[in-house]
Amino acid sequence: MKQKALFVFALCMLLSVHGIAQNDPLRIGVVGLTHSHVHWIFGSEKKGDIKIVGIVETNRDLALRYAEQYEFPMGMVYRSMEEMIEATRPEAVSAFGTIYEHLEVVEKAAPLGIHVMVEKPLAVSLEHAKKMGALAKKHNIHLLTNYETTWYPTNHKAYELVRNDSIGAIRKVIVRDGHKGPKKIGVDHEFLEWLTDPVQNGGGAITDFGCYGINLTTWLMNGEKPYAVTAVTQQQQPENNPNVDDDATIILKYASANAIVQASWNWPIGRKDMEVYGLKGVIYADNRHDLRVRVSEGYDGYSEVSYKLKERSAPLDDPFSLFAAVVKNEITLEAFDLSSLDNNMIVMEILDAAIKSAKSGKTVRIDK
């Protein structure tokens, strides 16, 4: 009887320890500080779902600026991923360097079983994306991609309305993203330096903002690939973006629908909005919180319902909270989820076709 009681006690202690471990914040390393979206993860840490255990940044002046702003010791900053991993043993890393560097992050993290989240787009090219995807699958890690628009309640409401057949089958999607341009809005020097570099960023507005609309359309189309991609790019600010495009229009042709992605660094007003047209009506996701639904009545009449949406509930309101929940197996991403690898591999395939189309002046077909 005594032995049985001891066994039960030991089992309870083991379960208790396991429970504590599950509830502990995800130990995460930050790789790079040159991407200004890195402010997001420092702001998210206070939610309690993640704990930043180490930072990789070779630019000491840049690291010092962040250390002073967010009050972390410079002892947390390492010169390489190897040093940071050896010293801190993170469970996951989040990349905030150039898009070109995403591959290297996965190459170093995946073999060690360290999960990875990158800022959009997934990779600088389809070639890099394929290598990253193969490494993630081989080493059984999660590889997520973060977009600002993933966290817009309006986009999720639009998705729900489409799934509930509120406007009928999709026939057209129009997504518009962008702002006045990186230099005009005053991004940090370290960010501007590579954001307007065709190697480090893979292009200009076509990559920086084209990926948003492709990501959303792939999600709405449930992973269906377009069979043809046509794109045109322009350079409307050669004085500010001499080496890359700053305006792109991408047309995606599907079997029974089409999508138009308008990505630009030349909008007079910053925007991230979407229109979804179905057989019976249209959804206007005007911004993060405002959404309208119009259902057709007669020739040009319609009934309209407007929504003012609140933020989504945790952990679906924050990229790093979601990342932690996925790593801890508390949430399983649905097929072609906005953050998922399967969605973002298709994004890279379409983006690759769009860049080729813009350069050649021809429509590029995509194999199913």
Protein backbone atom coordinates (compact mmCIF):
# COMPACT_ATOMS: atom_id res chain seq x y z
CA MET A 1 0.00 0.00 0.00
CA LYS A 2 2.89 2.32 0.90
CA GLN A 3 4.61 1.62 -2.44
CA LYS A 4 1.37 2.35 -4.29
CA ALA A 5 0.99 5.67 -2.46
CA LEU A 6 4.58 6.63 -3.34
CA PHE A 7 3.96 5.75 -7.00
CA VAL A 8 0.80 7.88 -7.09
CA PHE A 9 2.68 10.77 -5.44
CA ALA A 10 5.54 10.51 -7.96
CA LEU A 11 3.08 10.36 -10.85
CA CYS A 12 1.26 13.45 -9.59
CA MET A 13 4.57 15.32 -9.25
CA LEU A 14 5.55 14.33 -12.78
CA LEU A 15 2.23 15.54 -14.18
CA SER A 16 2.54 18.73 -12.16
CA VAL A 17 6.02 19.46 -13.51
CA HIS A 18 4.83 18.71 -17.03
CA GLY A 19 1.92 21.09 -16.54
CA ILE A 20 4.24 23.84 -15.35
CA ALA A 21 6.49 23.28 -18.36
CA GLN A 22 3.53 23.54 -20.69
CA ASN A 23 2.49 26.80 -19.06
CA ASP A 24 5.97 28.31 -19.12
CA PRO A 25 6.54 30.97 -21.78
CA LEU A 26 8.17 29.85 -25.01
CA ARG A 27 11.92 30.46 -24.87
CA ILE A 28 12.61 32.41 -28.04
CA GLY A 29 15.67 33.96 -29.65
CA VAL A 30 15.49 37.08 -31.82
CA VAL A 31 17.73 36.84 -34.88
CA GLY A 32 18.46 40.29 -36.26
CA LEU A 33 17.24 43.79 -35.42
CA THR A 34 17.35 45.50 -38.82
CA HIS A 35 13.70 44.74 -39.65
CA SER A 36 11.61 47.39 -37.89
CA HIS A 37 8.82 44.87 -37.27
CA VAL A 38 11.05 43.61 -34.45
CA HIS A 39 9.36 46.19 -32.21
CA TRP A 40 6.35 43.87 -32.36
CA ILE A 41 8.03 40.99 -30.54
CA PHE A 42 9.41 43.24 -27.80
CA GLY A 43 5.92 44.60 -27.26
CA SER A 44 4.40 41.11 -27.28
CA GLU A 45 6.70 39.67 -24.62
CA LYS A 46 4.69 41.32 -21.85
CA LYS A 47 1.70 39.12 -22.75
CA GLY A 48 3.56 36.29 -21.05
CA ASP A 49 3.41 33.70 -23.83
CA ILE A 50 7.06 34.12 -24.85
CA LYS A 51 10.32 34.96 -23.14
CA ILE A 52 13.14 36.48 -25.20
CA VAL A 53 16.28 34.68 -24.03
CA GLY A 54 18.83 35.99 -26.53
CA ILE A 55 19.32 38.37 -29.44
CA VAL A 56 21.63 38.08 -32.44
CA GLU A 57 22.89 41.35 -33.91
CA THR A 58 26.34 42.31 -35.16
CA ASN A 59 25.55 46.05 -35.30
CA ARG A 60 26.30 47.04 -31.71
CA ASP A 61 25.03 50.60 -32.09
CA LEU A 62 21.68 49.31 -33.35
CA ALA A 63 21.51 46.75 -30.53
CA LEU A 64 22.27 49.46 -27.98
CA ARG A 65 19.38 51.60 -29.27
CA TYR A 66 16.97 48.70 -28.75
CA ALA A 67 18.51 47.82 -25.38
CA GLU A 68 17.92 51.37 -24.17
CA GLN A 69 14.36 51.47 -25.53
CA TYR A 70 13.28 48.08 -24.18
CA GLU A 71 15.58 47.95 -21.14
CA PHE A 72 17.35 44.67 -21.77
CA PRO A 73 21.04 44.10 -20.90
CA MET A 74 23.58 44.09 -23.72
CA GLY A 75 24.73 40.76 -22.31
CA MET A 76 21.69 39.27 -24.07
CA VAL A 77 23.11 40.28 -27.46
CA TYR A 78 25.28 37.79 -29.34
CA ARG A 79 27.25 38.09 -32.57
CA SER A 80 26.07 34.79 -34.07
CA MET A 81 23.22 32.31 -33.90
CA GLU A 82 25.66 29.63 -32.77
CA GLU A 83 26.73 31.70 -29.74
CA MET A 84 23.17 32.60 -28.83
CA ILE A 85 21.91 29.02 -29.15
CA GLU A 86 24.80 27.60 -27.14
CA ALA A 87 24.31 30.13 -24.34
CA THR A 88 20.51 30.28 -24.13
CA ARG A 89 19.07 27.04 -25.57
CA PRO A 90 15.97 28.60 -27.19
CA GLU A 91 13.01 26.47 -28.21
CA ALA A 92 12.30 28.78 -31.14
CA VAL A 93 13.70 31.77 -33.00
CA SER A 94 12.08 34.67 -34.83
CA ALA A 95 13.95 36.28 -37.73
CA PHE A 96 14.13 40.06 -38.07
CA GLY A 97 17.00 40.48 -40.50
CA THR A 98 16.88 40.69 -44.28
CA ILE A 99 14.61 38.35 -46.24
CA TYR A 100 17.71 36.85 -47.86
CA GLU A 101 18.91 35.78 -44.40
CA HIS A 102 15.78 33.69 -43.71
CA LEU A 103 17.34 30.63 -45.34
CA GLU A 104 20.44 30.79 -43.16
CA VAL A 105 18.29 31.06 -40.03
CA VAL A 106 16.42 27.88 -40.96
CA GLU A 107 19.63 26.11 -41.96
CA LYS A 108 21.06 26.72 -38.50
CA ALA A 109 17.90 26.22 -36.44
CA ALA A 110 16.11 23.29 -38.09
CA PRO A 111 18.79 20.59 -37.55
CA LEU A 112 18.71 21.45 -33.84
CA GLY A 113 14.93 21.08 -33.67
CA ILE A 114 14.44 24.81 -33.11
CA HIS A 115 11.20 26.19 -34.53
CA VAL A 116 11.25 29.31 -36.72
CA MET A 117 8.99 32.26 -37.45
CA VAL A 118 9.97 34.74 -40.17
CA GLU A 119 8.51 38.06 -41.25
CA LYS A 120 6.77 38.09 -44.60
CA PRO A 121 7.50 36.95 -47.22
CA LEU A 122 8.74 33.47 -46.37
CA ALA A 123 11.87 33.78 -48.50
CA VAL A 124 13.75 35.97 -50.94
CA SER A 125 13.06 33.53 -53.79
CA LEU A 126 11.28 30.29 -54.62
CA GLU A 127 14.65 28.53 -54.62
CA HIS A 128 15.31 29.61 -51.02
CA ALA A 129 11.74 28.75 -50.02
CA LYS A 130 12.05 25.18 -51.31
CA LYS A 131 15.24 24.66 -49.29
CA MET A 132 13.62 26.07 -46.18
CA GLY A 133 10.51 23.94 -46.61
CA ALA A 134 12.57 20.79 -47.08
CA LEU A 135 14.60 21.50 -43.94
CA ALA A 136 11.47 22.16 -41.88
CA LYS A 137 9.93 18.87 -42.97
CA LYS A 138 13.13 16.85 -42.58
CA HIS A 139 13.71 18.06 -39.02
CA ASN A 140 10.03 18.24 -38.07
CA ILE A 141 9.98 21.89 -37.01
CA HIS A 142 7.28 24.50 -37.37
CA LEU A 143 8.12 27.21 -39.92
CA LEU A 144 5.62 30.07 -39.76
CA THR A 145 5.40 33.35 -41.65
CA ASN A 146 4.04 36.50 -40.03
CA TYR A 147 1.96 39.11 -41.88
CA GLU A 148 0.36 42.15 -40.26
CA THR A 149 -2.91 41.36 -42.03
CA THR A 150 -3.10 37.92 -40.42
CA TRP A 151 -4.22 39.66 -37.24
CA TYR A 152 -6.95 41.82 -38.80
CA PRO A 153 -10.38 40.78 -37.44
CA THR A 154 -11.92 41.97 -40.72
CA ASN A 155 -10.00 39.45 -42.79
CA HIS A 156 -11.15 36.60 -40.55
CA LYS A 157 -14.74 37.85 -40.69
CA ALA A 158 -14.50 37.94 -44.49
CA TYR A 159 -13.20 34.36 -44.50
CA GLU A 160 -16.06 33.26 -42.21
CA LEU A 161 -18.67 34.96 -44.43
CA VAL A 162 -17.24 33.29 -47.55
CA ARG A 163 -17.28 29.89 -45.86
CA ASN A 164 -20.90 30.46 -44.79
CA ASP A 165 -21.87 31.24 -48.39
CA SER A 166 -22.95 34.75 -47.49
CA ILE A 167 -21.99 36.15 -50.91
CA GLY A 168 -21.92 33.00 -53.02
CA ALA A 169 -18.91 31.45 -54.73
CA ILE A 170 -15.89 33.73 -55.11
CA ARG A 171 -15.46 35.29 -58.52
CA LYS A 172 -12.99 38.10 -57.84
CA VAL A 173 -10.66 39.22 -55.05
CA ILE A 174 -8.98 42.63 -55.02
CA VAL A 175 -6.31 43.37 -52.42
CA ARG A 176 -4.52 46.69 -52.06
CA ASP A 177 -1.51 47.15 -49.78
CA GLY A 178 1.21 49.71 -49.26
CA HIS A 179 2.11 53.26 -48.29
CA LYS A 180 3.98 56.34 -49.57
CA GLY A 181 7.28 54.46 -49.72
CA PRO A 182 9.93 53.38 -47.17
CA LYS A 183 11.96 56.57 -47.42
CA LYS A 184 8.94 58.87 -47.36
CA ILE A 185 7.48 57.27 -44.23
CA GLY A 186 10.88 57.44 -42.53
CA VAL A 187 11.86 53.82 -41.86
CA ASP A 188 15.13 53.29 -39.99
CA HIS A 189 18.33 53.57 -42.02
CA GLU A 190 19.23 49.94 -41.31
CA PHE A 191 15.86 48.79 -42.63
CA LEU A 192 15.84 51.07 -45.68
CA GLU A 193 19.29 49.89 -46.69
CA TRP A 194 18.15 46.34 -47.44
CA LEU A 195 14.43 46.91 -48.11
CA THR A 196 15.37 48.69 -51.34
CA ASP A 197 18.03 46.13 -52.29
CA PRO A 198 16.98 43.64 -55.02
CA VAL A 199 19.17 40.89 -53.56
CA GLN A 200 18.42 41.25 -49.86
CA ASN A 201 14.68 41.86 -50.35
CA GLY A 202 14.15 40.08 -53.67
CA GLY A 203 12.52 43.16 -55.22
CA GLY A 204 10.71 46.29 -54.13
CA ALA A 205 6.97 46.74 -53.65
CA ILE A 206 6.22 43.53 -55.56
CA THR A 207 7.79 41.47 -52.76
CA ASP A 208 7.25 43.79 -49.81
CA PHE A 209 3.52 44.21 -50.39
CA GLY A 210 2.62 41.80 -53.21
CA CYS A 211 2.96 38.88 -50.80
CA TYR A 212 0.10 40.19 -48.61
CA GLY A 213 -2.56 39.90 -51.28
CA ILE A 214 -1.27 36.55 -52.53
CA ASN A 215 -1.28 35.16 -48.99
CA LEU A 216 -4.88 36.27 -48.38
CA THR A 217 -6.12 35.06 -51.77
CA THR A 218 -4.47 31.64 -51.32
CA TRP A 219 -6.27 31.34 -47.97
CA LEU A 220 -9.65 32.40 -49.37
CA MET A 221 -9.23 30.03 -52.34
CA ASN A 222 -8.47 27.16 -49.93
CA GLY A 223 -5.00 26.54 -51.37
CA GLU A 224 -6.04 26.48 -55.02
CA LYS A 225 -3.23 27.68 -57.27
CA PRO A 226 -3.89 30.10 -60.11
CA TYR A 227 -3.07 28.65 -63.51
CA ALA A 228 -1.69 31.93 -64.86
CA VAL A 229 0.04 34.98 -63.40
CA THR A 230 0.50 38.34 -65.12
CA ALA A 231 2.32 41.24 -63.49
CA VAL A 232 3.48 44.73 -64.36
CA THR A 233 5.84 46.85 -62.28
CA GLN A 234 6.89 50.47 -62.39
CA GLN A 235 9.43 52.73 -60.75
CA GLN A 236 7.64 55.95 -59.89
CA GLN A 237 10.20 57.17 -57.36
CA PRO A 238 13.60 56.55 -58.98
CA GLU A 239 15.17 59.09 -56.63
CA ASN A 240 14.11 57.05 -53.59
CA ASN A 241 14.08 53.48 -54.97
CA PRO A 242 16.73 53.45 -57.71
CA ASN A 243 17.34 49.70 -57.73
CA VAL A 244 13.87 48.19 -57.35
CA ASP A 245 10.27 48.55 -58.46
CA ASP A 246 7.96 50.59 -56.26
CA ASP A 247 4.59 49.77 -57.84
CA ALA A 248 3.20 46.39 -58.90
CA THR A 249 -0.08 45.02 -60.20
CA ILE A 250 -0.45 41.23 -60.17
CA ILE A 251 -3.34 39.38 -61.84
CA LEU A 252 -4.07 35.78 -60.85
CA LYS A 253 -6.33 33.63 -63.03
CA TYR A 254 -8.12 30.69 -61.40
CA ALA A 255 -10.47 28.15 -62.96
CA SER A 256 -13.59 30.12 -61.94
CA ALA A 257 -12.23 33.34 -60.43
CA ASN A 258 -9.50 35.91 -60.62
CA ALA A 259 -7.58 38.10 -58.20
CA ILE A 260 -5.93 41.49 -58.56
CA VAL A 261 -3.15 42.36 -56.13
CA GLN A 262 -2.12 46.01 -56.10
CA ALA A 263 1.11 46.53 -54.19
CA SER A 264 2.65 49.98 -54.05
CA TRP A 265 5.06 52.34 -52.35
CA ASN A 266 3.18 55.18 -54.05
CA TRP A 267 -0.19 55.29 -52.29
CA PRO A 268 -0.91 58.80 -50.96
CA ILE A 269 -2.44 57.16 -47.87
CA GLY A 270 -1.21 53.91 -46.30
CA ARG A 271 -3.64 51.05 -46.80
CA LYS A 272 -4.29 47.35 -46.29
CA ASP A 273 -7.77 46.57 -47.61
CA MET A 274 -9.56 43.83 -49.50
CA GLU A 275 -12.69 43.29 -51.59
CA VAL A 276 -14.18 39.83 -52.14
CA TYR A 277 -16.82 39.51 -54.87
CA GLY A 278 -19.15 36.53 -55.00
CA LEU A 279 -22.13 35.53 -57.12
CA LYS A 280 -24.57 37.20 -54.72
CA GLY A 281 -22.67 40.07 -53.17
CA VAL A 282 -19.42 41.64 -52.04
CA ILE A 283 -17.39 41.97 -48.85
CA TYR A 284 -15.37 45.13 -48.21
CA ALA A 285 -12.68 44.69 -45.55
CA ASP A 286 -11.88 48.40 -45.37
CA ASN A 287 -9.23 48.22 -42.66
CA ARG A 288 -8.40 46.27 -39.52
CA HIS A 289 -11.77 46.84 -37.82
CA ASP A 290 -14.31 48.04 -40.41
CA LEU A 291 -16.11 45.62 -42.73
CA ARG A 292 -19.18 45.95 -44.96
CA VAL A 293 -21.25 43.30 -46.72
CA ARG A 294 -23.48 44.15 -49.66
CA VAL A 295 -25.94 41.61 -51.04
CA SER A 296 -27.34 42.24 -54.50
CA GLU A 297 -30.95 43.38 -55.01
CA GLY A 298 -32.00 43.79 -58.62
CA TYR A 299 -29.72 45.51 -61.15
CA ASP A 300 -27.73 47.96 -59.03
CA GLY A 301 -29.49 47.81 -55.67
CA TYR A 302 -28.22 46.13 -52.54
CA SER A 303 -28.76 45.64 -48.85
CA GLU A 304 -25.77 46.47 -46.65
CA VAL A 305 -24.60 45.37 -43.22
CA SER A 306 -21.65 47.08 -41.52
CA TYR A 307 -19.42 45.63 -38.80
CA LYS A 308 -17.09 47.31 -36.32
CA LEU A 309 -15.02 44.38 -35.17
CA LYS A 310 -13.10 43.91 -31.93
CA GLU A 311 -9.67 42.31 -31.72
CA ARG A 312 -9.63 38.53 -31.81
CA SER A 313 -9.23 36.58 -28.59
CA ALA A 314 -5.83 35.34 -27.38
CA PRO A 315 -3.73 33.68 -28.67
CA LEU A 316 -5.25 34.47 -32.08
CA ASP A 317 -4.56 38.17 -31.69
CA ASP A 318 -0.76 38.06 -31.71
CA PRO A 319 1.85 36.31 -33.90
CA PHE A 320 4.15 35.27 -31.09
CA SER A 321 1.36 34.04 -28.82
CA LEU A 322 0.13 31.90 -31.72
CA PHE A 323 3.68 30.72 -32.41
CA ALA A 324 4.01 29.59 -28.79
CA ALA A 325 0.65 27.81 -28.90
CA VAL A 326 1.59 25.98 -32.12
CA VAL A 327 4.98 24.90 -30.78
CA LYS A 328 3.35 23.62 -27.57
CA ASN A 329 0.72 21.71 -29.59
CA GLU A 330 -2.08 23.77 -28.07
CA ILE A 331 -3.20 24.87 -31.54
CA THR A 332 -2.97 23.02 -34.85
CA LEU A 333 -3.03 25.30 -37.87
CA GLU A 334 -5.69 24.53 -40.45
CA ALA A 335 -4.65 23.70 -44.00
CA PHE A 336 -3.50 26.83 -45.87
CA ASP A 337 -3.73 28.96 -42.74
CA LEU A 338 -2.26 32.43 -43.30
CA SER A 339 0.81 31.63 -41.17
CA SER A 340 1.31 28.09 -42.47
CA LEU A 341 4.12 26.68 -44.57
CA ASP A 342 1.76 25.20 -47.18
CA ASN A 343 0.13 28.58 -47.82
CA ASN A 344 3.43 30.41 -47.98
CA MET A 345 5.08 27.93 -50.33
CA ILE A 346 2.25 28.72 -52.77
CA VAL A 347 2.79 32.45 -52.10
CA MET A 348 6.43 32.07 -53.11
CA GLU A 349 5.53 30.12 -56.25
CA ILE A 350 3.09 32.85 -57.31
CA LEU A 351 5.48 35.64 -56.38
CA ASP A 352 8.22 33.97 -58.41
CA ALA A 353 5.87 33.80 -61.42
CA ALA A 354 4.87 37.46 -60.93
CA ILE A 355 8.49 38.63 -60.91
CA LYS A 356 9.21 36.60 -64.05
CA SER A 357 6.10 38.00 -65.73
CA ALA A 358 7.01 41.60 -64.91
CA LYS A 359 10.52 41.11 -66.28
CA SER A 360 9.46 39.30 -69.46
CA GLY A 361 6.24 41.18 -70.19
CA LYS A 362 4.48 37.83 -70.61
CA THR A 363 1.94 35.79 -68.65
CA VAL A 364 3.53 32.95 -66.70
CA ARG A 365 1.67 29.67 -66.26
CA ILE A 366 1.80 27.66 -63.06
CA ASP A 367 1.68 23.88 -62.96
CA LYS A 368 -0.96 22.39 -60.70
